[in-house]
Each structure stands twice: as C-alpha cells, then as structure tokens.
C-alpha cells in the first residue's frame, strides 16, 4: 500500500516486483487460506445439515475434515509445490483423514490428515471433486447450483437472474427421473435453454458425485448415472465435449490456465 501511495507502481515491472515481494511475505500463506475460505464459502460447512435419512454418517467432524482437505490441498499446490493455480482443478492427489477417506471410498492410510495419491482413482482428482465444493449443490446435488458455481467462480461467466414468476422449486427425484433427466427436460424448454445450456451441461460431469461428494454409479432411486457432457466456454461459439469427470477437469484446467 505504501508503494501505491507513493506512486511507485506506474509500470508493469514495478507491479510485478511488488507482487513478487508480497508473495515472499510469510503472511501471504495465511492470507491465501483466508481467500480460499471466502471464495469457496468453507464456513458454510460448519452449518451444513444434510437430510439425516439420506446421509446418516454425516456430522460436524466429517464437515471439518472436508474443510481441512481443501485448505491442505490448496497449500500443497500453490505454496509447497508452487504449481500453476490451474492445477487445482486436476491435480492427482488430495488430503484426507481416515474418516474422509472411507467416505470417498479410499483405503485409509493412517491416522490424521494424510496425502493420498489419486492417479489410479479415475473418479476423483482436483478441487471440484472434493466434498467441500460438491456439497454446494445441496442434498440432491443440484446441477443448476453446481453448474452456476463453475461458470461464475471458475470461468468468470455471468448469467441473468431468472424472469419474475419462474418456478425454481426443485423437482423431486424418483425411479426414472435422475438429476440428468430433470436437467435435460429443462434444456428442452426453449424458455430455459438459452441460459441453462451455458452452465448446466457442465455439471453433467459431476452427476456421479452425490450431495456430499461420494462417488456412485446409481442414485438412491436406482437410476444409472452418467458423467459425459459439454462445456461452453464464455466467448466461444461451440461447446467442448467430455466423456468423464476427469476429462471435464482437464478442460477446465486448460481454460483457466
């Protein structure tokens, strides 16, 4: 701030030098953790109350483990490995406690928060496959909420508010009616498709993750789940296709790199 007040940031070189100096300050690590907490609204996890009938094993301890996972993951990518921030989206490792590892279907490696290699786990890898972010979609893993989150917070896209009077009540899921089917019905509606096609199809790649980040092939109603879809990058004319969540993460990493 002093350099700015003194008018010493008038060139690109001076700004770069000042930014580099600030990043070497020990306070930068704690400040970046604060940024991640605010950006992903990690404090939300402390008040997360999923339906106990559907998520009987969830409690504040597991919520805290999810928060610790995301903060440790960011610290590893950004500070310890000093990798490009785009790798937050497809890095092939994470951090988990034994409890969180079991929640994810991983074999616990020992007590405490430990680093897990995900290179052989096709279904998981990157920030958007962690419970802290996947829970943004609520109990039903809303494709609308997840898709908007990715578009606005990662792709810097913007969507207008829905017109007044539009019914935004979630459609109850049942046998034969998965989140994907509900979404495709919405996209077939001309009044909805113009906006929803910009973000909702991105979330198709996350359908196999439930509302708390567990990976599954079928939902609780017996519906087979998919993870193929398309992503329309803001400013592009044609969408890009992906077949798996891993391909989606690689597309996103390439877009934000």
Protein backbone atom coordinates (compact mmCIF):
# COMPACT_ATOMS: atom_id res chain seq x y z
CA UNK A 1 0.00 0.00 0.00
CA UNK A 2 2.86 2.36 0.75
CA UNK A 3 4.31 1.83 -2.73
CA UNK A 4 0.94 2.61 -4.26
CA UNK A 5 0.52 5.73 -2.12
CA UNK A 6 3.95 6.93 -3.25
CA UNK A 7 3.10 6.37 -6.90
CA UNK A 8 5.74 3.67 -7.32
CA UNK A 9 3.54 1.19 -9.22
CA UNK A 10 3.34 3.03 -12.50
CA UNK A 11 4.87 0.29 -14.66
CA UNK A 12 4.22 -3.39 -15.23
CA UNK A 13 7.72 -4.19 -13.98
CA UNK A 14 7.14 -2.33 -10.71
CA UNK A 15 3.79 -4.06 -10.16
CA UNK A 16 5.39 -7.46 -10.84
CA UNK A 17 8.25 -6.72 -8.46
CA UNK A 18 5.87 -5.61 -5.71
CA UNK A 19 3.64 -8.65 -6.19
CA UNK A 20 6.67 -10.94 -6.01
CA UNK A 21 7.81 -9.25 -2.81
CA UNK A 22 4.37 -9.65 -1.25
CA UNK A 23 4.27 -13.36 -2.12
CA UNK A 24 7.51 -13.94 -0.22
CA UNK A 25 5.99 -12.43 2.91
CA UNK A 26 5.09 -15.20 5.43
CA UNK A 27 1.68 -13.59 5.83
CA UNK A 28 0.84 -14.45 2.22
CA UNK A 29 0.14 -18.09 3.10
CA UNK A 30 -2.39 -17.25 5.80
CA UNK A 31 -3.98 -14.56 3.64
CA UNK A 32 -4.39 -17.00 0.75
CA UNK A 33 -6.06 -19.50 3.09
CA UNK A 34 -8.47 -16.76 4.07
CA UNK A 35 -9.13 -16.07 0.40
CA UNK A 36 -9.89 -19.74 -0.35
CA UNK A 37 -12.18 -19.89 2.67
CA UNK A 38 -14.17 -16.90 1.46
CA UNK A 39 -14.13 -17.86 -2.23
CA UNK A 40 -15.46 -21.38 -1.62
CA UNK A 41 -17.51 -20.34 1.41
CA UNK A 42 -15.88 -23.02 3.54
CA UNK A 43 -17.51 -21.60 6.67
CA UNK A 44 -20.75 -22.93 5.16
CA UNK A 45 -19.62 -26.44 6.10
CA UNK A 46 -19.99 -25.71 9.82
CA UNK A 47 -23.73 -25.18 9.28
CA UNK A 48 -24.28 -27.93 6.73
CA UNK A 49 -27.25 -30.08 7.75
CA UNK A 50 -28.00 -32.69 5.08
CA UNK A 51 -31.03 -34.94 5.37
CA UNK A 52 -30.09 -37.46 8.11
CA UNK A 53 -32.23 -40.11 6.46
CA UNK A 54 -30.06 -39.96 3.35
CA UNK A 55 -26.71 -39.03 4.89
CA UNK A 56 -26.76 -40.79 8.24
CA UNK A 57 -22.99 -40.76 8.69
CA UNK A 58 -22.51 -37.04 8.29
CA UNK A 59 -21.57 -34.89 11.28
CA UNK A 60 -19.51 -31.82 12.17
CA UNK A 61 -16.31 -33.88 12.33
CA UNK A 62 -16.66 -35.00 8.72
CA UNK A 63 -17.53 -31.44 7.70
CA UNK A 64 -14.36 -30.25 9.40
CA UNK A 65 -12.34 -32.92 7.60
CA UNK A 66 -13.67 -31.66 4.26
CA UNK A 67 -12.60 -28.14 5.11
CA UNK A 68 -9.12 -29.32 6.14
CA UNK A 69 -8.81 -31.32 2.92
CA UNK A 70 -9.43 -28.30 0.71
CA UNK A 71 -7.14 -25.96 2.64
CA UNK A 72 -4.31 -28.53 2.75
CA UNK A 73 -4.77 -29.26 -0.95
CA UNK A 74 -4.55 -25.58 -1.88
CA UNK A 75 -1.49 -25.10 0.31
CA UNK A 76 0.24 -28.07 -1.33
CA UNK A 77 -0.46 -26.96 -4.91
CA UNK A 78 0.10 -23.24 -4.51
CA UNK A 79 2.81 -22.98 -1.86
CA UNK A 80 4.66 -26.24 -1.36
CA UNK A 81 4.79 -27.37 -4.99
CA UNK A 82 4.37 -23.84 -6.40
CA UNK A 83 2.35 -25.18 -9.29
CA UNK A 84 0.11 -23.11 -11.60
CA UNK A 85 -3.24 -22.49 -9.94
CA UNK A 86 -4.96 -24.19 -12.87
CA UNK A 87 -3.69 -27.47 -11.39
CA UNK A 88 -6.12 -27.01 -8.52
CA UNK A 89 -8.65 -28.40 -10.97
CA UNK A 90 -6.95 -31.65 -11.96
CA UNK A 91 -4.12 -32.43 -9.53
CA UNK A 92 -3.98 -36.17 -8.91
CA UNK A 93 -3.82 -36.12 -5.13
CA UNK A 94 -5.75 -34.93 -2.13
CA UNK A 95 -5.60 -34.93 1.66
CA UNK A 96 -7.91 -36.95 3.87
CA UNK A 97 -8.39 -38.30 7.34
CA UNK A 98 -9.29 -42.00 7.70
CA UNK A 99 -12.92 -40.95 8.12
CA UNK A 100 -12.94 -38.83 4.97
CA UNK A 101 -11.02 -41.48 3.02
CA UNK A 102 -13.70 -44.07 3.80
CA UNK A 103 -16.37 -41.52 2.86
CA UNK A 104 -14.69 -41.22 -0.55
CA UNK A 105 -14.26 -44.96 -0.95
CA UNK A 106 -10.49 -44.79 -0.44
CA UNK A 107 -8.44 -47.11 1.75
CA UNK A 108 -7.30 -45.22 4.89
CA UNK A 109 -3.53 -44.84 5.06
CA UNK A 110 -3.14 -43.99 8.72
CA UNK A 111 -4.21 -41.52 11.42
CA UNK A 112 -4.56 -37.80 10.87
CA UNK A 113 -4.69 -35.82 7.66
CA UNK A 114 -2.56 -37.56 5.04
CA UNK A 115 -1.77 -37.08 1.38
CA UNK A 116 -3.46 -39.56 -0.97
CA UNK A 117 -2.30 -40.38 -4.49
CA UNK A 118 -5.30 -40.34 -6.83
CA UNK A 119 -3.50 -41.15 -10.07
CA UNK A 120 -5.20 -44.55 -10.20
CA UNK A 121 -8.59 -43.27 -8.99
CA UNK A 122 -10.35 -42.33 -12.22
CA UNK A 123 -13.31 -40.74 -10.49
CA UNK A 124 -11.52 -38.24 -8.28
CA UNK A 125 -8.91 -35.52 -8.58
CA UNK A 126 -8.98 -31.76 -8.24
CA UNK A 127 -10.82 -29.16 -6.22
CA UNK A 128 -14.23 -29.80 -7.79
CA UNK A 129 -14.25 -33.46 -6.73
CA UNK A 130 -13.86 -32.62 -3.04
CA UNK A 131 -16.72 -32.71 -0.57
CA UNK A 132 -16.28 -29.06 0.35
CA UNK A 133 -17.19 -27.96 -3.17
CA UNK A 134 -19.54 -30.76 -4.21
CA UNK A 135 -21.77 -30.05 -1.20
CA UNK A 136 -22.57 -26.65 -2.73
CA UNK A 137 -25.24 -28.45 -4.78
CA UNK A 138 -27.23 -29.47 -1.70
CA UNK A 139 -28.66 -32.88 -0.84
CA UNK A 140 -29.83 -33.54 -4.40
CA UNK A 141 -26.54 -32.44 -5.99
CA UNK A 142 -28.32 -29.74 -7.98
CA UNK A 143 -26.91 -29.39 -11.48
CA UNK A 144 -28.16 -25.81 -11.59
CA UNK A 145 -26.26 -24.80 -8.47
CA UNK A 146 -23.11 -26.74 -9.34
CA UNK A 147 -23.10 -25.51 -12.94
CA UNK A 148 -23.60 -21.88 -11.94
CA UNK A 149 -20.80 -22.19 -9.40
CA UNK A 150 -18.35 -23.43 -12.03
CA UNK A 151 -19.42 -20.89 -14.65
CA UNK A 152 -19.28 -17.89 -12.33
CA UNK A 153 -16.42 -18.78 -9.99
CA UNK A 154 -14.07 -20.56 -12.40
CA UNK A 155 -14.96 -19.45 -15.93
CA UNK A 156 -15.89 -15.88 -14.97
CA UNK A 157 -19.18 -16.15 -16.83
CA UNK A 158 -22.34 -14.31 -15.87
CA UNK A 159 -25.99 -15.31 -16.07
CA UNK A 160 -29.00 -13.02 -15.74
CA UNK A 161 -31.46 -13.57 -12.92
CA UNK A 162 -34.42 -15.78 -13.92
CA UNK A 163 -37.53 -13.88 -15.03
CA UNK A 164 -40.06 -12.99 -12.31
CA UNK A 165 -42.53 -15.74 -11.62
CA UNK A 166 -40.32 -18.62 -12.76
CA UNK A 167 -40.84 -21.68 -10.56
CA UNK A 168 -37.43 -22.66 -9.18
CA UNK A 169 -38.76 -25.37 -6.85
CA UNK A 170 -36.54 -28.48 -7.20
CA UNK A 171 -38.22 -31.39 -8.98
CA UNK A 172 -38.38 -34.47 -6.69
CA UNK A 173 -36.25 -37.31 -7.99
CA UNK A 174 -37.59 -40.84 -8.37
CA UNK A 175 -37.02 -44.01 -10.35
CA UNK A 176 -36.67 -42.99 -13.98
CA UNK A 177 -36.11 -39.35 -13.04
CA UNK A 178 -32.49 -38.59 -12.21
CA UNK A 179 -30.89 -35.16 -11.95
CA UNK A 180 -29.67 -35.61 -15.53
CA UNK A 181 -33.17 -36.35 -16.83
CA UNK A 182 -34.63 -33.37 -14.98
CA UNK A 183 -31.90 -31.18 -16.43
CA UNK A 184 -32.45 -32.45 -19.97
CA UNK A 185 -36.17 -31.74 -19.63
CA UNK A 186 -35.33 -28.20 -18.58
CA UNK A 187 -32.94 -27.78 -21.51
CA UNK A 188 -35.65 -28.91 -23.93
CA UNK A 189 -37.75 -25.93 -22.82
CA UNK A 190 -36.96 -23.03 -25.16
CA UNK A 191 -37.67 -20.52 -22.40
CA UNK A 192 -34.98 -22.09 -20.19
CA UNK A 193 -32.41 -23.45 -22.62
CA UNK A 194 -30.86 -20.14 -23.66
CA UNK A 195 -29.33 -19.56 -20.24
CA UNK A 196 -29.22 -23.04 -18.74
CA UNK A 197 -27.27 -24.53 -21.64
CA UNK A 198 -24.43 -22.18 -20.75
CA UNK A 199 -23.82 -23.75 -17.37
CA UNK A 200 -25.97 -26.75 -16.56
CA UNK A 201 -24.35 -29.17 -19.01
CA UNK A 202 -21.01 -28.57 -17.26
CA UNK A 203 -22.45 -30.17 -14.13
CA UNK A 204 -23.29 -33.32 -16.10
CA UNK A 205 -19.68 -34.31 -15.45
CA UNK A 206 -20.31 -34.34 -11.70
CA UNK A 207 -23.54 -36.35 -11.64
CA UNK A 208 -21.85 -39.43 -10.19
CA UNK A 209 -20.93 -37.46 -7.06
CA UNK A 210 -23.75 -37.22 -4.53
CA UNK A 211 -24.56 -34.19 -2.40
CA UNK A 212 -21.66 -34.89 -0.02
CA UNK A 213 -19.08 -35.94 -2.59
CA UNK A 214 -19.44 -39.72 -2.51
CA UNK A 215 -18.92 -41.42 -5.87
CA UNK A 216 -21.71 -43.70 -7.08
CA UNK A 217 -22.86 -45.42 -10.26
CA UNK A 218 -26.57 -45.31 -9.39
CA UNK A 219 -28.54 -42.89 -7.25
CA UNK A 220 -30.76 -43.82 -4.31
CA UNK A 221 -33.68 -44.40 -6.70
CA UNK A 222 -31.76 -46.87 -8.82
CA UNK A 223 -31.14 -44.51 -11.72
CA UNK A 224 -27.93 -45.15 -13.66
CA UNK A 225 -25.73 -42.07 -13.59
CA UNK A 226 -23.57 -40.55 -16.32
CA UNK A 227 -20.66 -38.13 -16.49
CA UNK A 228 -20.49 -37.11 -20.14
CA UNK A 229 -21.48 -33.64 -21.23
CA UNK A 230 -20.44 -30.40 -22.88
CA UNK A 231 -18.89 -27.17 -21.69
CA UNK A 232 -19.40 -23.85 -23.45
CA UNK A 233 -16.55 -21.53 -22.54
CA UNK A 234 -17.73 -17.90 -22.27
CA UNK A 235 -16.90 -16.16 -25.53
CA UNK A 236 -16.64 -19.36 -27.59
CA UNK A 237 -19.17 -20.25 -30.27
CA UNK A 238 -19.04 -24.03 -29.91
CA UNK A 239 -19.12 -26.20 -26.79
CA UNK A 240 -16.43 -28.74 -25.99
CA UNK A 241 -17.36 -32.32 -25.17
CA UNK A 242 -16.12 -34.53 -22.35
CA UNK A 243 -16.80 -38.18 -21.55
CA UNK A 244 -15.74 -38.34 -17.89
CA UNK A 245 -15.33 -36.08 -14.90
CA UNK A 246 -11.56 -36.34 -15.37
CA UNK A 247 -11.87 -35.01 -18.92
CA UNK A 248 -14.02 -32.17 -17.61
CA UNK A 249 -11.37 -31.28 -15.03
CA UNK A 250 -8.67 -31.24 -17.72
CA UNK A 251 -10.82 -28.97 -19.91
CA UNK A 252 -11.39 -26.59 -17.02
CA UNK A 253 -7.70 -26.58 -16.12
CA UNK A 254 -6.81 -25.72 -19.70
CA UNK A 255 -9.38 -22.95 -19.77
CA UNK A 256 -8.24 -21.31 -16.54
CA UNK A 257 -4.52 -21.81 -17.08
